[in-house]
Amino acid sequence: MLKIINIGDIDEFYWNAIGTGWAVNINKGFAKVILLFDDDSIQIACYTGTFGSRGKDCKIKKNKNEITFFLTRPLSPYEGMTIAIGWKAGLIPIQTGPPWWKNPWIYLAIYLI
């Protein structure tokens, strides 16, 4: 899952960098995000564990506009790593897609039913 959501005066990039659907152990993992801006006021977090967990078995390294998230322990099956980066609202315009009824694929699905 990848989202950019607005939480009042904060916009947040939220990404399941390592999803929880893997039925195998994951010994090492990392995710790297390169922002188009360098702002020291951004908020950064990462979470590990099963779906909905708030474990903190990850470390964050920030170098200017580049942020890297590393696992600090192996993940068991169905565990993952989610990253979140927040910045002041409006810094990056959030584009929304067309409403679902304007998606031509929906009519194919309805036709097939």
PDB file of N, CA and C in Angstrom:
ATOM      1  N   MET A   1       0.833  -1.168   0.000  1.00  0.00           N
ATOM      2  CA  MET A   1       0.000   0.000   0.000  1.00  0.00           C
ATOM      3  C   MET A   1       0.885   1.241   0.000  1.00  0.00           C
ATOM      4  N   LEU A   2       0.529   2.184  -0.819  1.00  0.00           N
ATOM      5  CA  LEU A   2       1.241   3.459  -0.904  1.00  0.00           C
ATOM      6  C   LEU A   2       0.202   4.556  -0.883  1.00  0.00           C
ATOM      7  N   LYS A   3       0.367   5.485   0.047  1.00  0.00           N
ATOM      8  CA  LYS A   3      -0.599   6.572   0.163  1.00  0.00           C
ATOM      9  C   LYS A   3       0.115   7.872   0.477  1.00  0.00           C
ATOM     10  N   ILE A   4      -0.468   8.967   0.028  1.00  0.00           N
ATOM     11  CA  ILE A   4      -0.132  10.281   0.562  1.00  0.00           C
ATOM     12  C   ILE A   4      -1.443  10.813   1.107  1.00  0.00           C
ATOM     13  N   ILE A   5      -1.472  11.036   2.411  1.00  0.00           N
ATOM     14  CA  ILE A   5      -2.704  11.461   3.059  1.00  0.00           C
ATOM     15  C   ILE A   5      -2.493  12.796   3.749  1.00  0.00           C
ATOM     16  N   ASN A   6      -3.580  13.519   3.929  1.00  0.00           N
ATOM     17  CA  ASN A   6      -3.529  14.790   4.634  1.00  0.00           C
ATOM     18  C   ASN A   6      -4.071  14.586   6.035  1.00  0.00           C
ATOM     19  N   ILE A   7      -3.293  15.022   7.033  1.00  0.00           N
ATOM     20  CA  ILE A   7      -3.702  14.945   8.434  1.00  0.00           C
ATOM     21  C   ILE A   7      -3.623  16.365   8.989  1.00  0.00           C
ATOM     22  N   GLY A   8      -4.636  17.154   8.732  1.00  0.00           N
ATOM     23  CA  GLY A   8      -4.648  18.538   9.209  1.00  0.00           C
ATOM     24  C   GLY A   8      -3.594  19.373   8.516  1.00  0.00           C
ATOM     25  N   ASP A   9      -2.591  19.806   9.267  1.00  0.00           N
ATOM     26  CA  ASP A   9      -1.538  20.650   8.685  1.00  0.00           C
ATOM     27  C   ASP A   9      -0.328  19.845   8.236  1.00  0.00           C
ATOM     28  N   ILE A  10      -0.479  18.522   8.180  1.00  0.00           N
ATOM     29  CA  ILE A  10       0.615  17.625   7.764  1.00  0.00           C
ATOM     30  C   ILE A  10       0.139  16.766   6.586  1.00  0.00           C
ATOM     31  N   ASP A  11       0.981  16.622   5.567  1.00  0.00           N
ATOM     32  CA  ASP A  11       0.782  15.616   4.522  1.00  0.00           C
ATOM     33  C   ASP A  11       1.742  14.475   4.830  1.00  0.00           C
ATOM     34  N   GLU A  12       1.289  13.244   4.670  1.00  0.00           N
ATOM     35  CA  GLU A  12       2.125  12.100   5.032  1.00  0.00           C
ATOM     36  C   GLU A  12       2.185  11.098   3.885  1.00  0.00           C
ATOM     37  N   PHE A  13       3.411  10.701   3.560  1.00  0.00           N
ATOM     38  CA  PHE A  13       3.703   9.623   2.614  1.00  0.00           C
ATOM     39  C   PHE A  13       3.766   8.355   3.450  1.00  0.00           C
ATOM     40  N   TYR A  14       2.953   7.377   3.123  1.00  0.00           N
ATOM     41  CA  TYR A  14       2.818   6.164   3.917  1.00  0.00           C
ATOM     42  C   TYR A  14       2.958   4.982   2.971  1.00  0.00           C
ATOM     43  N   TRP A  15       3.945   4.114   3.239  1.00  0.00           N
ATOM     44  CA  TRP A  15       4.253   3.041   2.298  1.00  0.00           C
ATOM     45  C   TRP A  15       4.587   1.757   3.035  1.00  0.00           C
ATOM     46  N   ASN A  16       3.917   0.667   2.673  1.00  0.00           N
ATOM     47  CA  ASN A  16       4.291  -0.659   3.160  1.00  0.00           C
ATOM     48  C   ASN A  16       5.449  -1.127   2.284  1.00  0.00           C
ATOM     49  N   ALA A  17       6.655  -0.737   2.655  1.00  0.00           N
ATOM     50  CA  ALA A  17       7.841  -1.012   1.844  1.00  0.00           C
ATOM     51  C   ALA A  17       8.090  -2.513   1.717  1.00  0.00           C
ATOM     52  N   ILE A  18       7.861  -3.243   2.796  1.00  0.00           N
ATOM     53  CA  ILE A  18       7.905  -4.711   2.772  1.00  0.00           C
ATOM     54  C   ILE A  18       6.544  -5.156   3.279  1.00  0.00           C
ATOM     55  N   GLY A  19       5.717  -5.657   2.392  1.00  0.00           N
ATOM     56  CA  GLY A  19       4.356  -6.032   2.759  1.00  0.00           C
ATOM     57  C   GLY A  19       4.307  -7.244   3.673  1.00  0.00           C
ATOM     58  N   THR A  20       3.165  -7.430   4.326  1.00  0.00           N
ATOM     59  CA  THR A  20       3.001  -8.521   5.291  1.00  0.00           C
ATOM     60  C   THR A  20       2.480  -9.809   4.646  1.00  0.00           C
ATOM     61  N   GLY A  21       2.471  -9.885   3.339  1.00  0.00           N
ATOM     62  CA  GLY A  21       1.952 -11.068   2.658  1.00  0.00           C
ATOM     63  C   GLY A  21       2.981 -12.141   2.350  1.00  0.00           C
ATOM     64  N   TRP A  22       4.222 -11.933   2.754  1.00  0.00           N
ATOM     65  CA  TRP A  22       5.277 -12.899   2.428  1.00  0.00           C
ATOM     66  C   TRP A  22       5.271 -14.050   3.430  1.00  0.00           C
ATOM     67  N   ALA A  23       5.201 -15.297   2.943  1.00  0.00           N
ATOM     68  CA  ALA A  23       5.171 -16.483   3.799  1.00  0.00           C
ATOM     69  C   ALA A  23       6.575 -17.025   4.062  1.00  0.00           C
ATOM     70  N   VAL A  24       7.565 -16.167   3.991  1.00  0.00           N
ATOM     71  CA  VAL A  24       8.962 -16.572   4.188  1.00  0.00           C
ATOM     72  C   VAL A  24       9.638 -15.616   5.165  1.00  0.00           C
ATOM     73  N   ASN A  25      10.766 -16.045   5.717  1.00  0.00           N
ATOM     74  CA  ASN A  25      11.583 -15.147   6.529  1.00  0.00           C
ATOM     75  C   ASN A  25      12.271 -14.139   5.613  1.00  0.00           C
ATOM     76  N   ILE A  26      12.435 -12.935   6.083  1.00  0.00           N
ATOM     77  CA  ILE A  26      13.184 -11.905   5.360  1.00  0.00           C
ATOM     78  C   ILE A  26      14.337 -11.502   6.269  1.00  0.00           C
ATOM     79  N   ASN A  27      15.560 -11.870   5.871  1.00  0.00           N
ATOM     80  CA  ASN A  27      16.716 -11.655   6.740  1.00  0.00           C
ATOM     81  C   ASN A  27      17.195 -10.212   6.769  1.00  0.00           C
ATOM     82  N   LYS A  28      17.167  -9.544   5.635  1.00  0.00           N
ATOM     83  CA  LYS A  28      17.619  -8.156   5.552  1.00  0.00           C
ATOM     84  C   LYS A  28      16.665  -7.395   4.645  1.00  0.00           C
ATOM     85  N   GLY A  29      16.537  -6.119   4.917  1.00  0.00           N
ATOM     86  CA  GLY A  29      15.692  -5.308   4.057  1.00  0.00           C
ATOM     87  C   GLY A  29      15.921  -3.832   4.304  1.00  0.00           C
ATOM     88  N   PHE A  30      15.710  -3.048   3.259  1.00  0.00           N
ATOM     89  CA  PHE A  30      15.794  -1.599   3.407  1.00  0.00           C
ATOM     90  C   PHE A  30      14.920  -0.948   2.351  1.00  0.00           C
ATOM     91  N   ALA A  31      14.601   0.294   2.584  1.00  0.00           N
ATOM     92  CA  ALA A  31      13.865   1.106   1.611  1.00  0.00           C
ATOM     93  C   ALA A  31      14.518   2.475   1.586  1.00  0.00           C
ATOM     94  N   LYS A  32      14.591   3.064   0.402  1.00  0.00           N
ATOM     95  CA  LYS A  32      15.200   4.388   0.253  1.00  0.00           C
ATOM     96  C   LYS A  32      14.196   5.307  -0.426  1.00  0.00           C
ATOM     97  N   VAL A  33      14.042   6.500   0.134  1.00  0.00           N
ATOM     98  CA  VAL A  33      13.168   7.523  -0.434  1.00  0.00           C
ATOM     99  C   VAL A  33      14.023   8.755  -0.696  1.00  0.00           C
ATOM    100  N   ILE A  34      13.938   9.280  -1.904  1.00  0.00           N
ATOM    101  CA  ILE A  34      14.649  10.516  -2.246  1.00  0.00           C
ATOM    102  C   ILE A  34      13.587  11.584  -2.489  1.00  0.00           C
ATOM    103  N   LEU A  35      13.579  12.576  -1.626  1.00  0.00           N
ATOM    104  CA  LEU A  35      12.604  13.658  -1.719  1.00  0.00           C
ATOM    105  C   LEU A  35      13.076  14.724  -2.696  1.00  0.00           C
ATOM    106  N   LEU A  36      12.148  15.466  -3.223  1.00  0.00           N
ATOM    107  CA  LEU A  36      12.481  16.564  -4.129  1.00  0.00           C
ATOM    108  C   LEU A  36      12.835  17.836  -3.371  1.00  0.00           C
ATOM    109  N   PHE A  37      12.878  17.751  -2.065  1.00  0.00           N
ATOM    110  CA  PHE A  37      13.194  18.907  -1.228  1.00  0.00           C
ATOM    111  C   PHE A  37      13.965  18.420  -0.009  1.00  0.00           C
ATOM    112  N   ASP A  38      14.646  19.322   0.661  1.00  0.00           N
ATOM    113  CA  ASP A  38      15.358  19.011   1.902  1.00  0.00           C
ATOM    114  C   ASP A  38      14.807  19.940   2.968  1.00  0.00           C
ATOM    115  N   ASP A  39      14.094  19.377   3.915  1.00  0.00           N
ATOM    116  CA  ASP A  39      13.439  20.170   4.948  1.00  0.00           C
ATOM    117  C   ASP A  39      13.673  19.480   6.285  1.00  0.00           C
ATOM    118  N   ASP A  40      14.320  20.166   7.211  1.00  0.00           N
ATOM    119  CA  ASP A  40      14.622  19.562   8.509  1.00  0.00           C
ATOM    120  C   ASP A  40      13.389  19.404   9.393  1.00  0.00           C
ATOM    121  N   SER A  41      12.268  19.976   8.995  1.00  0.00           N
ATOM    122  CA  SER A  41      11.069  19.870   9.824  1.00  0.00           C
ATOM    123  C   SER A  41      10.238  18.626   9.502  1.00  0.00           C
ATOM    124  N   ILE A  42      10.681  17.804   8.549  1.00  0.00           N
ATOM    125  CA  ILE A  42       9.896  16.610   8.225  1.00  0.00           C
ATOM    126  C   ILE A  42       9.913  15.631   9.392  1.00  0.00           C
ATOM    127  N   GLN A  43       8.857  14.849   9.476  1.00  0.00           N
ATOM    128  CA  GLN A  43       8.724  13.815  10.497  1.00  0.00           C
ATOM    129  C   GLN A  43       8.907  12.464   9.818  1.00  0.00           C
ATOM    130  N   ILE A  44       9.701  11.600  10.447  1.00  0.00           N
ATOM    131  CA  ILE A  44      10.039  10.315   9.831  1.00  0.00           C
ATOM    132  C   ILE A  44       9.781   9.204  10.845  1.00  0.00           C
ATOM    133  N   ALA A  45       9.180   8.101  10.393  1.00  0.00           N
ATOM    134  CA  ALA A  45       8.945   6.956  11.272  1.00  0.00           C
ATOM    135  C   ALA A  45       8.967   5.679  10.443  1.00  0.00           C
ATOM    136  N   CYS A  46       9.235   4.569  11.115  1.00  0.00           N
ATOM    137  CA  CYS A  46       9.090   3.259  10.483  1.00  0.00           C
ATOM    138  C   CYS A  46       8.556   2.282  11.517  1.00  0.00           C
ATOM    139  N   TYR A  47       7.811   1.304  11.039  1.00  0.00           N
ATOM    140  CA  TYR A  47       7.162   0.327  11.904  1.00  0.00           C
ATOM    141  C   TYR A  47       7.381  -1.063  11.320  1.00  0.00           C
ATOM    142  N   THR A  48       7.490  -2.051  12.203  1.00  0.00           N
ATOM    143  CA  THR A  48       7.696  -3.428  11.759  1.00  0.00           C
ATOM    144  C   THR A  48       6.725  -4.351  12.484  1.00  0.00           C
ATOM    145  N   GLY A  49       6.549  -5.532  11.918  1.00  0.00           N
ATOM    146  CA  GLY A  49       5.723  -6.548  12.558  1.00  0.00           C
ATOM    147  C   GLY A  49       4.580  -6.986  11.662  1.00  0.00           C
ATOM    148  N   THR A  50       3.633  -7.696  12.258  1.00  0.00           N
ATOM    149  CA  THR A  50       2.459  -8.160  11.530  1.00  0.00           C
ATOM    150  C   THR A  50       1.541  -6.977  11.234  1.00  0.00           C
ATOM    151  N   PHE A  51       0.527  -7.204  10.423  1.00  0.00           N
ATOM    152  CA  PHE A  51      -0.392  -6.137  10.017  1.00  0.00           C
ATOM    153  C   PHE A  51      -0.923  -5.384  11.239  1.00  0.00           C
ATOM    154  N   GLY A  52      -0.802  -4.073  11.219  1.00  0.00           N
ATOM    155  CA  GLY A  52      -1.287  -3.227  12.308  1.00  0.00           C
ATOM    156  C   GLY A  52      -0.316  -3.031  13.455  1.00  0.00           C
ATOM    157  N   SER A  53       0.822  -3.722  13.438  1.00  0.00           N
ATOM    158  CA  SER A  53       1.806  -3.601  14.522  1.00  0.00           C
ATOM    159  C   SER A  53       2.477  -2.239  14.496  1.00  0.00           C
ATOM    160  N   ARG A  54       3.010  -1.844  15.635  1.00  0.00           N
ATOM    161  CA  ARG A  54       3.752  -0.592  15.738  1.00  0.00           C
ATOM    162  C   ARG A  54       5.170  -0.863  16.242  1.00  0.00           C
ATOM    163  N   GLY A  55       5.713  -2.047  15.918  1.00  0.00           N
ATOM    164  CA  GLY A  55       7.082  -2.378  16.310  1.00  0.00           C
ATOM    165  C   GLY A  55       8.081  -1.398  15.719  1.00  0.00           C
ATOM    166  N   LYS A  56       9.215  -1.270  16.359  1.00  0.00           N
ATOM    167  CA  LYS A  56      10.236  -0.302  15.928  1.00  0.00           C
ATOM    168  C   LYS A  56      11.564  -0.990  15.620  1.00  0.00           C
ATOM    169  N   ASP A  57      11.520  -2.170  15.010  1.00  0.00           N
ATOM    170  CA  ASP A  57      12.743  -2.908  14.697  1.00  0.00           C
ATOM    171  C   ASP A  57      13.331  -2.435  13.371  1.00  0.00           C
ATOM    172  N   CYS A  58      13.568  -1.129  13.306  1.00  0.00           N
ATOM    173  CA  CYS A  58      14.136  -0.520  12.112  1.00  0.00           C
ATOM    174  C   CYS A  58      14.884   0.744  12.525  1.00  0.00           C
ATOM    175  N   LYS A  59      15.844   1.124  11.704  1.00  0.00           N
ATOM    176  CA  LYS A  59      16.554   2.381  11.965  1.00  0.00           C
ATOM    177  C   LYS A  59      16.452   3.258  10.729  1.00  0.00           C
ATOM    178  N   ILE A  60      16.619   4.551  10.955  1.00  0.00           N
ATOM    179  CA  ILE A  60      16.442   5.540   9.897  1.00  0.00           C
ATOM    180  C   ILE A  60      17.729   6.334   9.753  1.00  0.00           C
ATOM    181  N   LYS A  61      18.171   6.496   8.512  1.00  0.00           N
ATOM    182  CA  LYS A  61      19.343   7.327   8.219  1.00  0.00           C
ATOM    183  C   LYS A  61      18.902   8.406   7.234  1.00  0.00           C
ATOM    184  N   LYS A  62      19.080   9.676   7.631  1.00  0.00           N
ATOM    185  CA  LYS A  62      18.707  10.796   6.759  1.00  0.00           C
ATOM    186  C   LYS A  62      19.967  11.530   6.349  1.00  0.00           C
ATOM    187  N   ASN A  63      20.116  11.749   5.055  1.00  0.00           N
ATOM    188  CA  ASN A  63      21.234  12.508   4.507  1.00  0.00           C
ATOM    189  C   ASN A  63      20.656  13.508   3.506  1.00  0.00           C
ATOM    190  N   LYS A  64      20.479  14.734   3.945  1.00  0.00           N
ATOM    191  CA  LYS A  64      19.850  15.791   3.139  1.00  0.00           C
ATOM    192  C   LYS A  64      18.461  15.341   2.712  1.00  0.00           C
ATOM    193  N   ASN A  65      18.227  15.161   1.413  1.00  0.00           N
ATOM    194  CA  ASN A  65      16.891  14.788   0.948  1.00  0.00           C
ATOM    195  C   ASN A  65      16.725  13.277   0.747  1.00  0.00           C
ATOM    196  N   GLU A  66      17.697  12.491   1.188  1.00  0.00           N
ATOM    197  CA  GLU A  66      17.665  11.036   1.015  1.00  0.00           C
ATOM    198  C   GLU A  66      17.448  10.380   2.375  1.00  0.00           C
ATOM    199  N   ILE A  67      16.421   9.538   2.466  1.00  0.00           N
ATOM    200  CA  ILE A  67      16.092   8.856   3.715  1.00  0.00           C
ATOM    201  C   ILE A  67      16.124   7.356   3.455  1.00  0.00           C
ATOM    202  N   THR A  68      16.883   6.627   4.275  1.00  0.00           N
ATOM    203  CA  THR A  68      16.982   5.175   4.130  1.00  0.00           C
ATOM    204  C   THR A  68      16.494   4.524   5.416  1.00  0.00           C
ATOM    205  N   PHE A  69      15.684   3.498   5.270  1.00  0.00           N
ATOM    206  CA  PHE A  69      15.104   2.752   6.381  1.00  0.00           C
ATOM    207  C   PHE A  69      15.679   1.337   6.331  1.00  0.00           C
ATOM    208  N   PHE A  70      16.235   0.861   7.446  1.00  0.00           N
ATOM    209  CA  PHE A  70      16.858  -0.463   7.513  1.00  0.00           C
ATOM    210  C   PHE A  70      16.158  -1.315   8.566  1.00  0.00           C
ATOM    211  N   LEU A  71      15.957  -2.598   8.270  1.00  0.00           N
ATOM    212  CA  LEU A  71      15.511  -3.533   9.301  1.00  0.00           C
ATOM    213  C   LEU A  71      16.648  -3.759  10.285  1.00  0.00           C
ATOM    214  N   THR A  72      16.335  -3.881  11.570  1.00  0.00           N
ATOM    215  CA  THR A  72      17.363  -4.175  12.573  1.00  0.00           C
ATOM    216  C   THR A  72      17.276  -5.612  13.071  1.00  0.00           C
ATOM    217  N   ARG A  73      16.338  -6.361  12.552  1.00  0.00           N
ATOM    218  CA  ARG A  73      16.232  -7.794  12.849  1.00  0.00           C
ATOM    219  C   ARG A  73      15.543  -8.468  11.672  1.00  0.00           C
ATOM    220  N   PRO A  74      15.741  -9.772  11.507  1.00  0.00           N
ATOM    221  CA  PRO A  74      15.023 -10.479  10.443  1.00  0.00           C
ATOM    222  C   PRO A  74      13.514 -10.456  10.705  1.00  0.00           C
ATOM    223  N   LEU A  75      12.752 -10.481   9.638  1.00  0.00           N
ATOM    224  CA  LEU A  75      11.298 -10.550   9.759  1.00  0.00           C
ATOM    225  C   LEU A  75      10.846 -11.998   9.628  1.00  0.00           C
ATOM    226  N   SER A  76       9.906 -12.392  10.449  1.00  0.00           N
ATOM    227  CA  SER A  76       9.285 -13.712  10.353  1.00  0.00           C
ATOM    228  C   SER A  76       8.234 -13.676   9.246  1.00  0.00           C
ATOM    229  N   PRO A  77       7.741 -14.846   8.833  1.00  0.00           N
ATOM    230  CA  PRO A  77       6.682 -14.838   7.821  1.00  0.00           C
ATOM    231  C   PRO A  77       5.517 -13.935   8.237  1.00  0.00           C
ATOM    232  N   TYR A  78       4.984 -13.231   7.272  1.00  0.00           N
ATOM    233  CA  TYR A  78       3.844 -12.323   7.429  1.00  0.00           C
ATOM    234  C   TYR A  78       4.140 -11.092   8.285  1.00  0.00           C
ATOM    235  N   GLU A  79       5.409 -10.764   8.447  1.00  0.00           N
ATOM    236  CA  GLU A  79       5.789  -9.496   9.061  1.00  0.00           C
ATOM    237  C   GLU A  79       6.286  -8.567   7.962  1.00  0.00           C
ATOM    238  N   GLY A  80       6.192  -7.282   8.192  1.00  0.00           N
ATOM    239  CA  GLY A  80       6.611  -6.324   7.184  1.00  0.00           C
ATOM    240  C   GLY A  80       7.204  -5.070   7.798  1.00  0.00           C
ATOM    241  N   MET A  81       7.526  -4.112   6.930  1.00  0.00           N
ATOM    242  CA  MET A  81       8.047  -2.812   7.365  1.00  0.00           C
ATOM    243  C   MET A  81       7.268  -1.718   6.640  1.00  0.00           C
ATOM    244  N   THR A  82       6.717  -0.809   7.416  1.00  0.00           N
ATOM    245  CA  THR A  82       5.987   0.338   6.884  1.00  0.00           C
ATOM    246  C   THR A  82       6.760   1.597   7.217  1.00  0.00           C
ATOM    247  N   ILE A  83       6.846   2.508   6.256  1.00  0.00           N
ATOM    248  CA  ILE A  83       7.553   3.766   6.493  1.00  0.00           C
ATOM    249  C   ILE A  83       6.571   4.921   6.346  1.00  0.00           C
ATOM    250  N   ALA A  84       6.854   5.996   7.065  1.00  0.00           N
ATOM    251  CA  ALA A  84       6.009   7.191   7.011  1.00  0.00           C
ATOM    252  C   ALA A  84       6.904   8.421   7.040  1.00  0.00           C
ATOM    253  N   ILE A  85       6.602   9.376   6.164  1.00  0.00           N
ATOM    254  CA  ILE A  85       7.335  10.643   6.119  1.00  0.00           C
ATOM    255  C   ILE A  85       6.286  11.751   6.062  1.00  0.00           C
ATOM    256  N   GLY A  86       6.343  12.666   7.017  1.00  0.00           N
ATOM    257  CA  GLY A  86       5.375  13.754   7.059  1.00  0.00           C
ATOM    258  C   GLY A  86       6.038  15.103   6.844  1.00  0.00           C
ATOM    259  N   TRP A  87       5.332  16.018   6.177  1.00  0.00           N
ATOM    260  CA  TRP A  87       5.826  17.380   5.944  1.00  0.00           C
ATOM    261  C   TRP A  87       4.637  18.323   6.002  1.00  0.00           C
ATOM    262  N   LYS A  88       4.930  19.619   6.082  1.00  0.00           N
ATOM    263  CA  LYS A  88       3.832  20.589   6.187  1.00  0.00           C
ATOM    264  C   LYS A  88       2.932  20.505   4.954  1.00  0.00           C
ATOM    265  N   ALA A  89       1.647  20.590   5.214  1.00  0.00           N
ATOM    266  CA  ALA A  89       0.645  20.430   4.158  1.00  0.00           C
ATOM    267  C   ALA A  89       0.865  21.435   3.036  1.00  0.00           C
ATOM    268  N   GLY A  90       0.698  20.954   1.814  1.00  0.00           N
ATOM    269  CA  GLY A  90       0.788  21.811   0.644  1.00  0.00           C
ATOM    270  C   GLY A  90       2.170  21.920   0.037  1.00  0.00           C
ATOM    271  N   LEU A  91       3.200  21.401   0.715  1.00  0.00           N
ATOM    272  CA  LEU A  91       4.554  21.471   0.173  1.00  0.00           C
ATOM    273  C   LEU A  91       4.640  20.733  -1.162  1.00  0.00           C
ATOM    274  N   ILE A  92       3.962  19.598  -1.246  1.00  0.00           N
ATOM    275  CA  ILE A  92       3.861  18.834  -2.491  1.00  0.00           C
ATOM    276  C   ILE A  92       2.374  18.729  -2.820  1.00  0.00           C
ATOM    277  N   PRO A  93       1.961  19.150  -4.009  1.00  0.00           N
ATOM    278  CA  PRO A  93       0.536  19.040  -4.344  1.00  0.00           C
ATOM    279  C   PRO A  93       0.105  17.576  -4.400  1.00  0.00           C
ATOM    280  N   ILE A  94      -1.005  17.261  -3.768  1.00  0.00           N
ATOM    281  CA  ILE A  94      -1.546  15.907  -3.797  1.00  0.00           C
ATOM    282  C   ILE A  94      -2.549  15.840  -4.934  1.00  0.00           C
ATOM    283  N   GLN A  95      -2.289  14.950  -5.887  1.00  0.00           N
ATOM    284  CA  GLN A  95      -3.193  14.789  -7.019  1.00  0.00           C
ATOM    285  C   GLN A  95      -4.141  13.641  -6.737  1.00  0.00           C
ATOM    286  N   THR A  96      -5.379  13.857  -7.034  1.00  0.00           N
ATOM    287  CA  THR A  96      -6.356  12.793  -6.867  1.00  0.00           C
ATOM    288  C   THR A  96      -6.759  12.294  -8.244  1.00  0.00           C
ATOM    289  N   GLY A  97      -7.077  11.032  -8.304  1.00  0.00           N
ATOM    290  CA  GLY A  97      -7.493  10.442  -9.569  1.00  0.00           C
ATOM    291  C   GLY A  97      -8.952  10.745  -9.857  1.00  0.00           C
ATOM    292  N   PRO A  98      -9.404  10.332 -11.016  1.00  0.00           N
ATOM    293  CA  PRO A  98     -10.814  10.548 -11.360  1.00  0.00           C
ATOM    294  C   PRO A  98     -11.706   9.679 -10.477  1.00  0.00           C
ATOM    295  N   PRO A  99     -12.976  10.029 -10.334  1.00  0.00           N
ATOM    296  CA  PRO A  99     -13.893   9.185  -9.571  1.00  0.00           C
ATOM    297  C   PRO A  99     -13.989   7.796 -10.200  1.00  0.00           C
ATOM    298  N   TRP A 100     -14.343   6.808  -9.411  1.00  0.00           N
ATOM    299  CA  TRP A 100     -14.351   5.425  -9.883  1.00  0.00           C
ATOM    300  C   TRP A 100     -15.242   5.239 -11.106  1.00  0.00           C
ATOM    301  N   TRP A 101     -16.336   5.993 -11.206  1.00  0.00           N
ATOM    302  CA  TRP A 101     -17.245   5.804 -12.338  1.00  0.00           C
ATOM    303  C   TRP A 101     -16.673   6.324 -13.657  1.00  0.00           C
ATOM    304  N   LYS A 102     -15.561   7.069 -13.605  1.00  0.00           N
ATOM    305  CA  LYS A 102     -14.922   7.523 -14.838  1.00  0.00           C
ATOM    306  C   LYS A 102     -13.808   6.578 -15.292  1.00  0.00           C
ATOM    307  N   ASN A 103     -13.589   5.508 -14.545  1.00  0.00           N
ATOM    308  CA  ASN A 103     -12.580   4.511 -14.893  1.00  0.00           C
ATOM    309  C   ASN A 103     -13.207   3.524 -15.886  1.00  0.00           C
ATOM    310  N   PRO A 104     -12.694   3.452 -17.117  1.00  0.00           N
ATOM    311  CA  PRO A 104     -13.320   2.566 -18.109  1.00  0.00           C
ATOM    312  C   PRO A 104     -13.269   1.093 -17.722  1.00  0.00           C
ATOM    313  N   TRP A 105     -12.333   0.686 -16.888  1.00  0.00           N
ATOM    314  CA  TRP A 105     -12.226  -0.727 -16.504  1.00  0.00           C
ATOM    315  C   TRP A 105     -13.403  -1.172 -15.645  1.00  0.00           C
ATOM    316  N   ILE A 106     -14.032  -0.256 -14.921  1.00  0.00           N
ATOM    317  CA  ILE A 106     -15.168  -0.628 -14.080  1.00  0.00           C
ATOM    318  C   ILE A 106     -16.316  -1.163 -14.938  1.00  0.00           C
ATOM    319  N   TYR A 107     -16.475  -0.599 -16.138  1.00  0.00           N
ATOM    320  CA  TYR A 107     -17.559  -1.055 -17.010  1.00  0.00           C
ATOM    321  C   TYR A 107     -17.282  -2.452 -17.564  1.00  0.00           C
ATOM    322  N   LEU A 108     -16.021  -2.777 -17.775  1.00  0.00           N
ATOM    323  CA  LEU A 108     -15.672  -4.135 -18.192  1.00  0.00           C
ATOM    324  C   LEU A 108     -16.029  -5.114 -17.083  1.00  0.00           C
ATOM    325  N   ALA A 109     -15.702  -4.758 -15.845  1.00  0.00           N
ATOM    326  CA  ALA A 109     -16.014  -5.631 -14.715  1.00  0.00           C
ATOM    327  C   ALA A 109     -17.522  -5.819 -14.584  1.00  0.00           C
ATOM    328  N   ILE A 110     -18.282  -4.739 -14.739  1.00  0.00           N
ATOM    329  CA  ILE A 110     -19.740  -4.845 -14.655  1.00  0.00           C
ATOM    330  C   ILE A 110     -20.270  -5.718 -15.793  1.00  0.00           C
ATOM    331  N   TYR A 111     -19.729  -5.551 -16.987  1.00  0.00           N
ATOM    332  CA  TYR A 111     -20.149  -6.338 -18.142  1.00  0.00           C
ATOM    333  C   TYR A 111     -19.898  -7.828 -17.907  1.00  0.00           C
ATOM    334  N   LEU A 112     -18.750  -8.157 -17.308  1.00  0.00           N
ATOM    335  CA  LEU A 112     -18.396  -9.558 -17.089  1.00  0.00           C
ATOM    336  C   LEU A 112     -19.258 -10.210 -16.018  1.00  0.00           C
ATOM    337  N   ILE A 113     -19.812  -9.412 -15.150  1.00  0.00           N
ATOM    338  CA  ILE A 113     -20.672  -9.959 -14.086  1.00  0.00           C
ATOM    339  C   ILE A 113     -21.991 -10.337 -14.690  1.00  0.00           C
TER     340      ILE A 113
END
